[in-house]
């Protein structure tokens, strides 16, 4: 289902929680974090280095000649797309969880204020 992740040895797609991507000395560093198991002390992660691709492009009309630029490796692009598909679902679940918790806190405050209102009415009787 995710052939690019399979090609780099990442087979447990359902356990992927998030990923980070950073540049370091001419390389893109991809780090994939997995969900922590119930018996694990730390969450597991794997790290991959992808060399950045160098390109020569012509300079602007202000600066004649060519200049070197680096860009993300062509093999890394589809991997990132697959990771985005997998982690968007996780982010969506977290957003839903946060929304439910907010709704629950709001409900708690409404119920608490209603109870106080009823108690005040009872005291007047």
PDB file of N, CA and C in Angstrom:
ATOM      1  N   UNK A   1       0.816  -1.188   0.000  1.00  0.00           N
ATOM      2  CA  UNK A   1       0.000   0.000   0.000  1.00  0.00           C
ATOM      3  C   UNK A   1       0.866   1.261   0.000  1.00  0.00           C
ATOM      4  N   UNK A   2       1.997   1.221   0.679  1.00  0.00           N
ATOM      5  CA  UNK A   2       2.926   2.343   0.711  1.00  0.00           C
ATOM      6  C   UNK A   2       4.287   1.855   0.210  1.00  0.00           C
ATOM      7  N   UNK A   3       4.449   1.750  -1.094  1.00  0.00           N
ATOM      8  CA  UNK A   3       5.655   1.122  -1.646  1.00  0.00           C
ATOM      9  C   UNK A   3       6.947   1.871  -1.334  1.00  0.00           C
ATOM     10  N   UNK A   4       6.898   3.192  -1.257  1.00  0.00           N
ATOM     11  CA  UNK A   4       8.126   3.949  -0.986  1.00  0.00           C
ATOM     12  C   UNK A   4       8.603   3.749   0.448  1.00  0.00           C
ATOM     13  N   UNK A   5       7.668   3.690   1.389  1.00  0.00           N
ATOM     14  CA  UNK A   5       8.047   3.388   2.775  1.00  0.00           C
ATOM     15  C   UNK A   5       8.555   1.949   2.880  1.00  0.00           C
ATOM     16  N   UNK A   6       7.921   1.040   2.164  1.00  0.00           N
ATOM     17  CA  UNK A   6       8.383  -0.351   2.168  1.00  0.00           C
ATOM     18  C   UNK A   6       9.813  -0.448   1.639  1.00  0.00           C
ATOM     19  N   UNK A   7      10.133   0.344   0.598  1.00  0.00           N
ATOM     20  CA  UNK A   7      11.469   0.302  -0.002  1.00  0.00           C
ATOM     21  C   UNK A   7      12.566   0.718   0.970  1.00  0.00           C
ATOM     22  N   UNK A   8      12.240   1.570   1.940  1.00  0.00           N
ATOM     23  CA  UNK A   8      13.269   1.977   2.915  1.00  0.00           C
ATOM     24  C   UNK A   8      13.194   1.139   4.194  1.00  0.00           C
ATOM     25  N   UNK A   9      12.323   0.123   4.187  1.00  0.00           N
ATOM     26  CA  UNK A   9      12.258  -0.802   5.314  1.00  0.00           C
ATOM     27  C   UNK A   9      11.244  -0.463   6.378  1.00  0.00           C
ATOM     28  N   UNK A  10      10.384   0.503   6.132  1.00  0.00           N
ATOM     29  CA  UNK A  10       9.339   0.855   7.099  1.00  0.00           C
ATOM     30  C   UNK A  10       8.087   0.086   6.718  1.00  0.00           C
ATOM     31  N   UNK A  11       7.798  -0.957   7.489  1.00  0.00           N
ATOM     32  CA  UNK A  11       6.696  -1.856   7.139  1.00  0.00           C
ATOM     33  C   UNK A  11       5.490  -1.715   8.055  1.00  0.00           C
ATOM     34  N   UNK A  12       5.679  -1.206   9.254  1.00  0.00           N
ATOM     35  CA  UNK A  12       4.584  -1.084  10.219  1.00  0.00           C
ATOM     36  C   UNK A  12       3.939   0.302  10.100  1.00  0.00           C
ATOM     37  N   UNK A  13       3.219   0.497   9.013  1.00  0.00           N
ATOM     38  CA  UNK A  13       2.636   1.800   8.681  1.00  0.00           C
ATOM     39  C   UNK A  13       1.623   2.275   9.721  1.00  0.00           C
ATOM     40  N   UNK A  14       0.861   1.365  10.288  1.00  0.00           N
ATOM     41  CA  UNK A  14      -0.179   1.754  11.248  1.00  0.00           C
ATOM     42  C   UNK A  14       0.391   2.300  12.546  1.00  0.00           C
ATOM     43  N   UNK A  15       1.649   2.017  12.820  1.00  0.00           N
ATOM     44  CA  UNK A  15       2.266   2.467  14.066  1.00  0.00           C
ATOM     45  C   UNK A  15       2.950   3.826  13.938  1.00  0.00           C
ATOM     46  N   UNK A  16       2.979   4.398  12.736  1.00  0.00           N
ATOM     47  CA  UNK A  16       3.637   5.691  12.539  1.00  0.00           C
ATOM     48  C   UNK A  16       2.808   6.777  13.198  1.00  0.00           C
ATOM     49  N   UNK A  17       3.454   7.552  14.045  1.00  0.00           N
ATOM     50  CA  UNK A  17       2.765   8.626  14.756  1.00  0.00           C
ATOM     51  C   UNK A  17       3.052   9.989  14.124  1.00  0.00           C
ATOM     52  N   UNK A  18       4.328  10.245  13.797  1.00  0.00           N
ATOM     53  CA  UNK A  18       4.712  11.530  13.220  1.00  0.00           C
ATOM     54  C   UNK A  18       6.090  11.388  12.591  1.00  0.00           C
ATOM     55  N   UNK A  19       6.509  12.458  11.928  1.00  0.00           N
ATOM     56  CA  UNK A  19       7.850  12.462  11.365  1.00  0.00           C
ATOM     57  C   UNK A  19       8.404  13.885  11.384  1.00  0.00           C
ATOM     58  N   UNK A  20       9.729  13.976  11.303  1.00  0.00           N
ATOM     59  CA  UNK A  20      10.376  15.275  11.182  1.00  0.00           C
ATOM     60  C   UNK A  20      11.330  15.215   9.994  1.00  0.00           C
ATOM     61  N   UNK A  21      11.565  16.368   9.415  1.00  0.00           N
ATOM     62  CA  UNK A  21      12.485  16.473   8.285  1.00  0.00           C
ATOM     63  C   UNK A  21      13.335  17.716   8.504  1.00  0.00           C
ATOM     64  N   UNK A  22      14.655  17.556   8.447  1.00  0.00           N
ATOM     65  CA  UNK A  22      15.546  18.695   8.640  1.00  0.00           C
ATOM     66  C   UNK A  22      16.745  18.556   7.719  1.00  0.00           C
ATOM     67  N   UNK A  23      17.450  19.655   7.526  1.00  0.00           N
ATOM     68  CA  UNK A  23      18.656  19.658   6.709  1.00  0.00           C
ATOM     69  C   UNK A  23      19.878  19.679   7.603  1.00  0.00           C
ATOM     70  N   UNK A  24      20.894  18.915   7.178  1.00  0.00           N
ATOM     71  CA  UNK A  24      22.139  18.876   7.940  1.00  0.00           C
ATOM     72  C   UNK A  24      23.283  18.543   6.990  1.00  0.00           C
ATOM     73  N   UNK A  25      24.172  19.483   6.787  1.00  0.00           N
ATOM     74  CA  UNK A  25      25.397  19.275   6.008  1.00  0.00           C
ATOM     75  C   UNK A  25      25.141  18.616   4.651  1.00  0.00           C
ATOM     76  N   UNK A  26      24.286  19.188   3.858  1.00  0.00           N
ATOM     77  CA  UNK A  26      24.048  18.654   2.518  1.00  0.00           C
ATOM     78  C   UNK A  26      23.158  17.430   2.472  1.00  0.00           C
ATOM     79  N   UNK A  27      22.538  17.097   3.584  1.00  0.00           N
ATOM     80  CA  UNK A  27      21.635  15.948   3.650  1.00  0.00           C
ATOM     81  C   UNK A  27      20.286  16.385   4.206  1.00  0.00           C
ATOM     82  N   UNK A  28      19.256  15.669   3.811  1.00  0.00           N
ATOM     83  CA  UNK A  28      17.955  15.780   4.455  1.00  0.00           C
ATOM     84  C   UNK A  28      17.860  14.619   5.425  1.00  0.00           C
ATOM     85  N   UNK A  29      17.529  14.915   6.663  1.00  0.00           N
ATOM     86  CA  UNK A  29      17.416  13.894   7.698  1.00  0.00           C
ATOM     87  C   UNK A  29      15.932  13.672   7.973  1.00  0.00           C
ATOM     88  N   UNK A  30      15.467  12.482   7.677  1.00  0.00           N
ATOM     89  CA  UNK A  30      14.074  12.102   7.928  1.00  0.00           C
ATOM     90  C   UNK A  30      14.054  11.214   9.165  1.00  0.00           C
ATOM     91  N   UNK A  31      13.243  11.590  10.134  1.00  0.00           N
ATOM     92  CA  UNK A  31      13.103  10.778  11.339  1.00  0.00           C
ATOM     93  C   UNK A  31      11.629  10.435  11.493  1.00  0.00           C
ATOM     94  N   UNK A  32      11.343   9.144  11.569  1.00  0.00           N
ATOM     95  CA  UNK A  32       9.974   8.658  11.688  1.00  0.00           C
ATOM     96  C   UNK A  32       9.785   8.121  13.103  1.00  0.00           C
ATOM     97  N   UNK A  33       8.751   8.622  13.778  1.00  0.00           N
ATOM     98  CA  UNK A  33       8.440   8.210  15.143  1.00  0.00           C
ATOM     99  C   UNK A  33       7.240   7.267  15.127  1.00  0.00           C
ATOM    100  N   UNK A  34       7.331   6.219  15.926  1.00  0.00           N
ATOM    101  CA  UNK A  34       6.257   5.241  16.030  1.00  0.00           C
ATOM    102  C   UNK A  34       5.565   5.358  17.378  1.00  0.00           C
ATOM    103  N   UNK A  35       4.336   4.883  17.429  1.00  0.00           N
ATOM    104  CA  UNK A  35       3.596   4.903  18.693  1.00  0.00           C
ATOM    105  C   UNK A  35       4.323   4.066  19.729  1.00  0.00           C
ATOM    106  N   UNK A  36       4.273   4.552  20.948  1.00  0.00           N
ATOM    107  CA  UNK A  36       4.924   3.846  22.052  1.00  0.00           C
ATOM    108  C   UNK A  36       4.046   2.683  22.474  1.00  0.00           C
ATOM    109  N   UNK A  37       4.642   1.511  22.590  1.00  0.00           N
ATOM    110  CA  UNK A  37       3.921   0.339  23.063  1.00  0.00           C
ATOM    111  C   UNK A  37       3.692   0.412  24.554  1.00  0.00           C
ATOM    112  N   UNK A  38       2.793  -0.400  25.055  1.00  0.00           N
ATOM    113  CA  UNK A  38       2.459  -0.359  26.479  1.00  0.00           C
ATOM    114  C   UNK A  38       3.644  -0.756  27.352  1.00  0.00           C
ATOM    115  N   UNK A  39       4.540  -1.561  26.826  1.00  0.00           N
ATOM    116  CA  UNK A  39       5.700  -2.001  27.612  1.00  0.00           C
ATOM    117  C   UNK A  39       6.966  -1.218  27.284  1.00  0.00           C
ATOM    118  N   UNK A  40       6.870  -0.267  26.350  1.00  0.00           N
ATOM    119  CA  UNK A  40       8.042   0.512  25.972  1.00  0.00           C
ATOM    120  C   UNK A  40       8.194   1.722  26.874  1.00  0.00           C
ATOM    121  N   UNK A  41       9.441   2.025  27.211  1.00  0.00           N
ATOM    122  CA  UNK A  41       9.719   3.204  28.016  1.00  0.00           C
ATOM    123  C   UNK A  41       9.797   4.439  27.124  1.00  0.00           C
ATOM    124  N   UNK A  42      10.421   4.284  25.959  1.00  0.00           N
ATOM    125  CA  UNK A  42      10.538   5.370  24.990  1.00  0.00           C
ATOM    126  C   UNK A  42       9.853   4.968  23.694  1.00  0.00           C
ATOM    127  N   UNK A  43       9.388   5.962  22.968  1.00  0.00           N
ATOM    128  CA  UNK A  43       8.829   5.699  21.650  1.00  0.00           C
ATOM    129  C   UNK A  43       9.971   5.333  20.707  1.00  0.00           C
ATOM    130  N   UNK A  44       9.696   4.438  19.782  1.00  0.00           N
ATOM    131  CA  UNK A  44      10.715   4.023  18.828  1.00  0.00           C
ATOM    132  C   UNK A  44      10.743   4.999  17.660  1.00  0.00           C
ATOM    133  N   UNK A  45      11.926   5.126  17.067  1.00  0.00           N
ATOM    134  CA  UNK A  45      12.063   5.973  15.895  1.00  0.00           C
ATOM    135  C   UNK A  45      13.169   5.408  15.002  1.00  0.00           C
ATOM    136  N   UNK A  46      13.114   5.785  13.737  1.00  0.00           N
ATOM    137  CA  UNK A  46      14.168   5.427  12.793  1.00  0.00           C
ATOM    138  C   UNK A  46      14.582   6.695  12.056  1.00  0.00           C
ATOM    139  N   UNK A  47      15.861   6.746  11.682  1.00  0.00           N
ATOM    140  CA  UNK A  47      16.394   7.934  11.033  1.00  0.00           C
ATOM    141  C   UNK A  47      17.005   7.535   9.695  1.00  0.00           C
ATOM    142  N   UNK A  48      16.766   8.370   8.678  1.00  0.00           N
ATOM    143  CA  UNK A  48      17.293   8.135   7.341  1.00  0.00           C
ATOM    144  C   UNK A  48      17.964   9.409   6.843  1.00  0.00           C
ATOM    145  N   UNK A  49      19.095   9.240   6.113  1.00  0.00           N
ATOM    146  CA  UNK A  49      19.792  10.370   5.496  1.00  0.00           C
ATOM    147  C   UNK A  49      19.625  10.271   3.988  1.00  0.00           C
ATOM    148  N   UNK A  50      19.220  11.372   3.396  1.00  0.00           N
ATOM    149  CA  UNK A  50      19.087  11.465   1.949  1.00  0.00           C
ATOM    150  C   UNK A  50      19.943  12.634   1.480  1.00  0.00           C
ATOM    151  N   UNK A  51      20.915  12.374   0.599  1.00  0.00           N
ATOM    152  CA  UNK A  51      21.729  13.496   0.118  1.00  0.00           C
ATOM    153  C   UNK A  51      20.883  14.445  -0.720  1.00  0.00           C
ATOM    154  N   UNK A  52      21.105  15.744  -0.521  1.00  0.00           N
ATOM    155  CA  UNK A  52      20.371  16.735  -1.304  1.00  0.00           C
ATOM    156  C   UNK A  52      20.903  16.736  -2.734  1.00  0.00           C
ATOM    157  N   UNK A  53      20.032  16.979  -3.683  1.00  0.00           N
ATOM    158  CA  UNK A  53      20.433  17.016  -5.079  1.00  0.00           C
ATOM    159  C   UNK A  53      20.918  18.419  -5.417  1.00  0.00           C
ATOM    160  N   UNK A  54      22.057  18.494  -6.095  1.00  0.00           N
ATOM    161  CA  UNK A  54      22.610  19.779  -6.495  1.00  0.00           C
ATOM    162  C   UNK A  54      22.250  20.040  -7.953  1.00  0.00           C
ATOM    163  N   UNK A  55      21.877  21.277  -8.203  1.00  0.00           N
ATOM    164  CA  UNK A  55      21.534  21.697  -9.562  1.00  0.00           C
ATOM    165  C   UNK A  55      22.250  22.994  -9.862  1.00  0.00           C
ATOM    166  N   UNK A  56      22.627  23.147 -11.136  1.00  0.00           N
ATOM    167  CA  UNK A  56      23.171  24.421 -11.595  1.00  0.00           C
ATOM    168  C   UNK A  56      22.065  25.139 -12.337  1.00  0.00           C
ATOM    169  N   UNK A  57      21.808  26.358 -11.927  1.00  0.00           N
ATOM    170  CA  UNK A  57      20.798  27.168 -12.606  1.00  0.00           C
ATOM    171  C   UNK A  57      21.440  28.470 -13.038  1.00  0.00           C
ATOM    172  N   UNK A  58      20.919  29.001 -14.117  1.00  0.00           N
ATOM    173  CA  UNK A  58      21.470  30.260 -14.606  1.00  0.00           C
ATOM    174  C   UNK A  58      21.092  31.379 -13.647  1.00  0.00           C
ATOM    175  N   UNK A  59      21.970  32.332 -13.542  1.00  0.00           N
ATOM    176  CA  UNK A  59      21.724  33.455 -12.652  1.00  0.00           C
ATOM    177  C   UNK A  59      20.650  34.371 -13.212  1.00  0.00           C
ATOM    178  N   UNK A  60      20.207  35.267 -12.388  1.00  0.00           N
ATOM    179  CA  UNK A  60      19.220  36.255 -12.820  1.00  0.00           C
ATOM    180  C   UNK A  60      19.855  37.185 -13.844  1.00  0.00           C
ATOM    181  N   UNK A  61      19.058  38.045 -14.409  1.00  0.00           N
ATOM    182  CA  UNK A  61      19.593  38.997 -15.379  1.00  0.00           C
ATOM    183  C   UNK A  61      20.576  39.963 -14.717  1.00  0.00           C
ATOM    184  N   UNK A  62      20.487  40.100 -13.380  1.00  0.00           N
ATOM    185  CA  UNK A  62      21.419  40.965 -12.647  1.00  0.00           C
ATOM    186  C   UNK A  62      22.775  40.299 -12.436  1.00  0.00           C
ATOM    187  N   UNK A  63      22.788  38.965 -12.302  1.00  0.00           N
ATOM    188  CA  UNK A  63      24.046  38.260 -12.035  1.00  0.00           C
ATOM    189  C   UNK A  63      24.255  37.178 -13.093  1.00  0.00           C
ATOM    190  N   UNK A  64      25.143  37.437 -14.038  1.00  0.00           N
ATOM    191  CA  UNK A  64      25.374  36.461 -15.110  1.00  0.00           C
ATOM    192  C   UNK A  64      26.079  35.216 -14.580  1.00  0.00           C
ATOM    193  N   UNK A  65      25.988  34.139 -15.317  1.00  0.00           N
ATOM    194  CA  UNK A  65      26.647  32.899 -14.939  1.00  0.00           C
ATOM    195  C   UNK A  65      25.675  31.925 -14.302  1.00  0.00           C
ATOM    196  N   UNK A  66      26.223  30.896 -13.693  1.00  0.00           N
ATOM    197  CA  UNK A  66      25.420  29.856 -13.068  1.00  0.00           C
ATOM    198  C   UNK A  66      25.659  29.854 -11.571  1.00  0.00           C
ATOM    199  N   UNK A  67      24.692  29.349 -10.856  1.00  0.00           N
ATOM    200  CA  UNK A  67      24.867  29.180  -9.410  1.00  0.00           C
ATOM    201  C   UNK A  67      24.328  27.807  -9.020  1.00  0.00           C
ATOM    202  N   UNK A  68      24.878  27.267  -7.954  1.00  0.00           N
ATOM    203  CA  UNK A  68      24.453  25.948  -7.468  1.00  0.00           C
ATOM    204  C   UNK A  68      23.338  26.103  -6.448  1.00  0.00           C
ATOM    205  N   UNK A  69      22.323  25.281  -6.579  1.00  0.00           N
ATOM    206  CA  UNK A  69      21.270  25.223  -5.569  1.00  0.00           C
ATOM    207  C   UNK A  69      21.085  23.758  -5.196  1.00  0.00           C
ATOM    208  N   UNK A  70      20.566  23.541  -4.002  1.00  0.00           N
ATOM    209  CA  UNK A  70      20.280  22.166  -3.590  1.00  0.00           C
ATOM    210  C   UNK A  70      18.786  22.040  -3.349  1.00  0.00           C
ATOM    211  N   UNK A  71      18.278  20.862  -3.605  1.00  0.00           N
ATOM    212  CA  UNK A  71      16.854  20.611  -3.377  1.00  0.00           C
ATOM    213  C   UNK A  71      16.669  19.208  -2.846  1.00  0.00           C
ATOM    214  N   UNK A  72      15.458  18.951  -2.380  1.00  0.00           N
ATOM    215  CA  UNK A  72      15.142  17.663  -1.773  1.00  0.00           C
ATOM    216  C   UNK A  72      15.365  16.532  -2.778  1.00  0.00           C
ATOM    217  N   UNK A  73      15.848  15.427  -2.284  1.00  0.00           N
ATOM    218  CA  UNK A  73      16.131  14.256  -3.097  1.00  0.00           C
ATOM    219  C   UNK A  73      14.846  13.734  -3.740  1.00  0.00           C
ATOM    220  N   UNK A  74      14.931  13.320  -4.996  1.00  0.00           N
ATOM    221  CA  UNK A  74      13.733  12.864  -5.712  1.00  0.00           C
ATOM    222  C   UNK A  74      13.141  11.585  -5.115  1.00  0.00           C
ATOM    223  N   UNK A  75      13.947  10.788  -4.433  1.00  0.00           N
ATOM    224  CA  UNK A  75      13.400   9.583  -3.795  1.00  0.00           C
ATOM    225  C   UNK A  75      12.690   9.907  -2.486  1.00  0.00           C
ATOM    226  N   UNK A  76      13.011  11.059  -1.907  1.00  0.00           N
ATOM    227  CA  UNK A  76      12.403  11.442  -0.633  1.00  0.00           C
ATOM    228  C   UNK A  76      11.001  12.031  -0.817  1.00  0.00           C
ATOM    229  N   UNK A  77      10.743  12.663  -1.937  1.00  0.00           N
ATOM    230  CA  UNK A  77       9.440  13.299  -2.165  1.00  0.00           C
ATOM    231  C   UNK A  77       8.258  12.331  -2.025  1.00  0.00           C
ATOM    232  N   UNK A  78       8.268  11.187  -2.700  1.00  0.00           N
ATOM    233  CA  UNK A  78       7.122  10.270  -2.537  1.00  0.00           C
ATOM    234  C   UNK A  78       7.019   9.679  -1.138  1.00  0.00           C
ATOM    235  N   UNK A  79       8.138   9.539  -0.452  1.00  0.00           N
ATOM    236  CA  UNK A  79       8.118   9.046   0.926  1.00  0.00           C
ATOM    237  C   UNK A  79       7.390  10.051   1.814  1.00  0.00           C
ATOM    238  N   UNK A  80       7.686  11.334   1.625  1.00  0.00           N
ATOM    239  CA  UNK A  80       7.026  12.390   2.400  1.00  0.00           C
ATOM    240  C   UNK A  80       5.524  12.405   2.106  1.00  0.00           C
ATOM    241  N   UNK A  81       5.155  12.209   0.846  1.00  0.00           N
ATOM    242  CA  UNK A  81       3.727  12.179   0.499  1.00  0.00           C
ATOM    243  C   UNK A  81       3.017  11.043   1.228  1.00  0.00           C
ATOM    244  N   UNK A  82       3.640   9.873   1.265  1.00  0.00           N
ATOM    245  CA  UNK A  82       3.040   8.734   1.973  1.00  0.00           C
ATOM    246  C   UNK A  82       2.954   9.005   3.466  1.00  0.00           C
ATOM    247  N   UNK A  83       3.996   9.601   4.039  1.00  0.00           N
ATOM    248  CA  UNK A  83       3.976   9.930   5.466  1.00  0.00           C
ATOM    249  C   UNK A  83       2.903  10.964   5.775  1.00  0.00           C
ATOM    250  N   UNK A  84       2.721  11.927   4.877  1.00  0.00           N
ATOM    251  CA  UNK A  84       1.662  12.923   5.078  1.00  0.00           C
ATOM    252  C   UNK A  84       0.290  12.253   5.112  1.00  0.00           C
ATOM    253  N   UNK A  85       0.070  11.302   4.225  1.00  0.00           N
ATOM    254  CA  UNK A  85      -1.211  10.582   4.204  1.00  0.00           C
ATOM    255  C   UNK A  85      -1.427   9.852   5.525  1.00  0.00           C
ATOM    256  N   UNK A  86      -0.380   9.198   6.009  1.00  0.00           N
ATOM    257  CA  UNK A  86      -0.494   8.430   7.249  1.00  0.00           C
ATOM    258  C   UNK A  86      -0.656   9.323   8.477  1.00  0.00           C
ATOM    259  N   UNK A  87       0.046  10.440   8.530  1.00  0.00           N
ATOM    260  CA  UNK A  87       0.012  11.264   9.737  1.00  0.00           C
ATOM    261  C   UNK A  87      -1.151  12.235   9.774  1.00  0.00           C
ATOM    262  N   UNK A  88      -1.744  12.543   8.648  1.00  0.00           N
ATOM    263  CA  UNK A  88      -2.930  13.411   8.652  1.00  0.00           C
ATOM    264  C   UNK A  88      -4.050  12.725   9.408  1.00  0.00           C
ATOM    265  N   UNK A  89      -4.179  11.425   9.245  1.00  0.00           N
ATOM    266  CA  UNK A  89      -5.202  10.666   9.975  1.00  0.00           C
ATOM    267  C   UNK A  89      -4.965  10.763  11.471  1.00  0.00           C
ATOM    268  N   UNK A  90      -3.720  10.643  11.894  1.00  0.00           N
ATOM    269  CA  UNK A  90      -3.388  10.735  13.317  1.00  0.00           C
ATOM    270  C   UNK A  90      -3.687  12.136  13.835  1.00  0.00           C
ATOM    271  N   UNK A  91      -3.316  13.170  13.065  1.00  0.00           N
ATOM    272  CA  UNK A  91      -3.594  14.534  13.491  1.00  0.00           C
ATOM    273  C   UNK A  91      -5.091  14.757  13.610  1.00  0.00           C
ATOM    274  N   UNK A  92      -5.833  14.201  12.664  1.00  0.00           N
ATOM    275  CA  UNK A  92      -7.282  14.361  12.686  1.00  0.00           C
ATOM    276  C   UNK A  92      -7.870  13.727  13.947  1.00  0.00           C
ATOM    277  N   UNK A  93      -7.398  12.534  14.305  1.00  0.00           N
ATOM    278  CA  UNK A  93      -7.871  11.867  15.517  1.00  0.00           C
ATOM    279  C   UNK A  93      -7.541  12.700  16.757  1.00  0.00           C
ATOM    280  N   UNK A  94      -6.341  13.282  16.797  1.00  0.00           N
ATOM    281  CA  UNK A  94      -5.949  14.100  17.944  1.00  0.00           C
ATOM    282  C   UNK A  94      -6.818  15.345  18.036  1.00  0.00           C
ATOM    283  N   UNK A  95      -7.128  15.952  16.892  1.00  0.00           N
ATOM    284  CA  UNK A  95      -7.990  17.129  16.893  1.00  0.00           C
ATOM    285  C   UNK A  95      -9.380  16.773  17.413  1.00  0.00           C
ATOM    286  N   UNK A  96      -9.897  15.629  17.009  1.00  0.00           N
ATOM    287  CA  UNK A  96     -11.209  15.188  17.484  1.00  0.00           C
ATOM    288  C   UNK A  96     -11.166  14.962  18.987  1.00  0.00           C
ATOM    289  N   UNK A  97     -10.097  14.335  19.465  1.00  0.00           N
ATOM    290  CA  UNK A  97      -9.961  14.075  20.899  1.00  0.00           C
ATOM    291  C   UNK A  97      -9.936  15.381  21.685  1.00  0.00           C
ATOM    292  N   UNK A  98      -9.173  16.358  21.190  1.00  0.00           N
ATOM    293  CA  UNK A  98      -9.111  17.659  21.866  1.00  0.00           C
ATOM    294  C   UNK A  98     -10.473  18.341  21.862  1.00  0.00           C
ATOM    295  N   UNK A  99     -11.202  18.238  20.753  1.00  0.00           N
ATOM    296  CA  UNK A  99     -12.523  18.847  20.669  1.00  0.00           C
ATOM    297  C   UNK A  99     -13.482  18.188  21.659  1.00  0.00           C
ATOM    298  N   UNK A 100     -13.432  16.861  21.762  1.00  0.00           N
ATOM    299  CA  UNK A 100     -14.302  16.146  22.706  1.00  0.00           C
ATOM    300  C   UNK A 100     -13.959  16.552  24.137  1.00  0.00           C
ATOM    301  N   UNK A 101     -12.673  16.677  24.447  1.00  0.00           N
ATOM    302  CA  UNK A 101     -12.275  17.097  25.791  1.00  0.00           C
ATOM    303  C   UNK A 101     -12.753  18.520  26.089  1.00  0.00           C
ATOM    304  N   UNK A 102     -12.661  19.401  25.114  1.00  0.00           N
ATOM    305  CA  UNK A 102     -13.172  20.764  25.301  1.00  0.00           C
ATOM    306  C   UNK A 102     -14.680  20.760  25.529  1.00  0.00           C
ATOM    307  N   UNK A 103     -15.393  19.959  24.747  1.00  0.00           N
ATOM    308  CA  UNK A 103     -16.843  19.853  24.917  1.00  0.00           C
ATOM    309  C   UNK A 103     -17.195  19.311  26.295  1.00  0.00           C
ATOM    310  N   UNK A 104     -16.431  18.342  26.758  1.00  0.00           N
ATOM    311  CA  UNK A 104     -16.672  17.752  28.073  1.00  0.00           C
ATOM    312  C   UNK A 104     -16.441  18.780  29.183  1.00  0.00           C
ATOM    313  N   UNK A 105     -15.378  19.574  29.068  1.00  0.00           N
ATOM    314  CA  UNK A 105     -15.109  20.613  30.065  1.00  0.00           C
ATOM    315  C   UNK A 105     -16.208  21.663  30.060  1.00  0.00           C
ATOM    316  N   UNK A 106     -16.686  22.022  28.883  1.00  0.00           N
ATOM    317  CA  UNK A 106     -17.779  22.996  28.787  1.00  0.00           C
ATOM    318  C   UNK A 106     -19.048  22.437  29.432  1.00  0.00           C
ATOM    319  N   UNK A 107     -19.352  21.191  29.138  1.00  0.00           N
ATOM    320  CA  UNK A 107     -20.523  20.547  29.728  1.00  0.00           C
ATOM    321  C   UNK A 107     -20.402  20.523  31.246  1.00  0.00           C
ATOM    322  N   UNK A 108     -19.214  20.224  31.747  1.00  0.00           N
ATOM    323  CA  UNK A 108     -18.992  20.189  33.187  1.00  0.00           C
ATOM    324  C   UNK A 108     -19.263  21.562  33.813  1.00  0.00           C
ATOM    325  N   UNK A 109     -18.798  22.619  33.171  1.00  0.00           N
ATOM    326  CA  UNK A 109     -19.027  23.953  33.728  1.00  0.00           C
ATOM    327  C   UNK A 109     -20.501  24.333  33.671  1.00  0.00           C
ATOM    328  N   UNK A 110     -21.202  23.934  32.612  1.00  0.00           N
ATOM    329  CA  UNK A 110     -22.636  24.224  32.506  1.00  0.00           C
ATOM    330  C   UNK A 110     -23.403  23.483  33.592  1.00  0.00           C
ATOM    331  N   UNK A 111     -23.092  22.213  33.794  1.00  0.00           N
ATOM    332  CA  UNK A 111     -23.772  21.417  34.813  1.00  0.00           C
ATOM    333  C   UNK A 111     -23.475  21.984  36.204  1.00  0.00           C
ATOM    334  N   UNK A 112     -22.237  22.351  36.456  1.00  0.00           N
ATOM    335  CA  UNK A 112     -21.859  22.913  37.753  1.00  0.00           C
ATOM    336  C   UNK A 112     -22.628  24.195  38.034  1.00  0.00           C
ATOM    337  N   UNK A 113     -22.712  25.073  37.038  1.00  0.00           N
ATOM    338  CA  UNK A 113     -23.448  26.321  37.263  1.00  0.00           C
ATOM    339  C   UNK A 113     -24.941  26.061  37.434  1.00  0.00           C
ATOM    340  N   UNK A 114     -25.488  25.098  36.740  1.00  0.00           N
ATOM    341  CA  UNK A 114     -26.911  24.764  36.898  1.00  0.00           C
ATOM    342  C   UNK A 114     -27.173  24.192  38.290  1.00  0.00           C
ATOM    343  N   UNK A 115     -26.284  23.352  38.781  1.00  0.00           N
ATOM    344  CA  UNK A 115     -26.429  22.796  40.133  1.00  0.00           C
ATOM    345  C   UNK A 115     -26.400  23.922  41.164  1.00  0.00           C
ATOM    346  N   UNK A 116     -25.494  24.871  41.015  1.00  0.00           N
ATOM    347  CA  UNK A 116     -25.410  25.999  41.949  1.00  0.00           C
ATOM    348  C   UNK A 116     -26.684  26.840  41.892  1.00  0.00           C
ATOM    349  N   UNK A 117     -27.214  27.019  40.705  1.00  0.00           N
ATOM    350  CA  UNK A 117     -28.460  27.769  40.559  1.00  0.00           C
ATOM    351  C   UNK A 117     -29.616  27.064  41.264  1.00  0.00           C
ATOM    352  N   UNK A 118     -29.709  25.770  41.115  1.00  0.00           N
ATOM    353  CA  UNK A 118     -30.786  24.993  41.782  1.00  0.00           C
ATOM    354  C   UNK A 118     -30.588  25.030  43.293  1.00  0.00           C
ATOM    355  N   UNK A 119     -29.349  24.932  43.775  1.00  0.00           N
ATOM    356  CA  UNK A 119     -29.072  25.003  45.215  1.00  0.00           C
ATOM    357  C   UNK A 119     -29.499  26.358  45.778  1.00  0.00           C
ATOM    358  N   UNK A 120     -29.251  27.442  45.053  1.00  0.00           N
ATOM    359  CA  UNK A 120     -29.673  28.767  45.513  1.00  0.00           C
ATOM    360  C   UNK A 120     -31.178  28.841  45.609  1.00  0.00           C
ATOM    361  N   UNK A 121     -31.885  28.261  44.673  1.00  0.00           N
ATOM    362  CA  UNK A 121     -33.349  28.256  44.694  1.00  0.00           C
ATOM    363  C   UNK A 121     -33.857  27.458  45.895  1.00  0.00           C
ATOM    364  N   UNK A 122     -33.187  26.356  46.185  1.00  0.00           N
ATOM    365  CA  UNK A 122     -33.584  25.535  47.336  1.00  0.00           C
ATOM    366  C   UNK A 122     -33.364  26.280  48.643  1.00  0.00           C
ATOM    367  N   UNK A 123     -32.296  27.038  48.729  1.00  0.00           N
ATOM    368  CA  UNK A 123     -32.023  27.809  49.957  1.00  0.00           C
ATOM    369  C   UNK A 123     -33.099  28.859  50.202  1.00  0.00           C
ATOM    370  N   UNK A 124     -33.657  29.399  49.147  1.00  0.00           N
ATOM    371  CA  UNK A 124     -34.701  30.414  49.273  1.00  0.00           C
ATOM    372  C   UNK A 124     -36.027  29.798  49.782  1.00  0.00           C
ATOM    373  N   UNK A 125     -36.210  28.552  49.567  1.00  0.00           N
ATOM    374  CA  UNK A 125     -37.457  27.907  49.989  1.00  0.00           C
ATOM    375  C   UNK A 125     -37.519  27.666  51.460  1.00  0.00           C
TER     376      UNK A 125
END
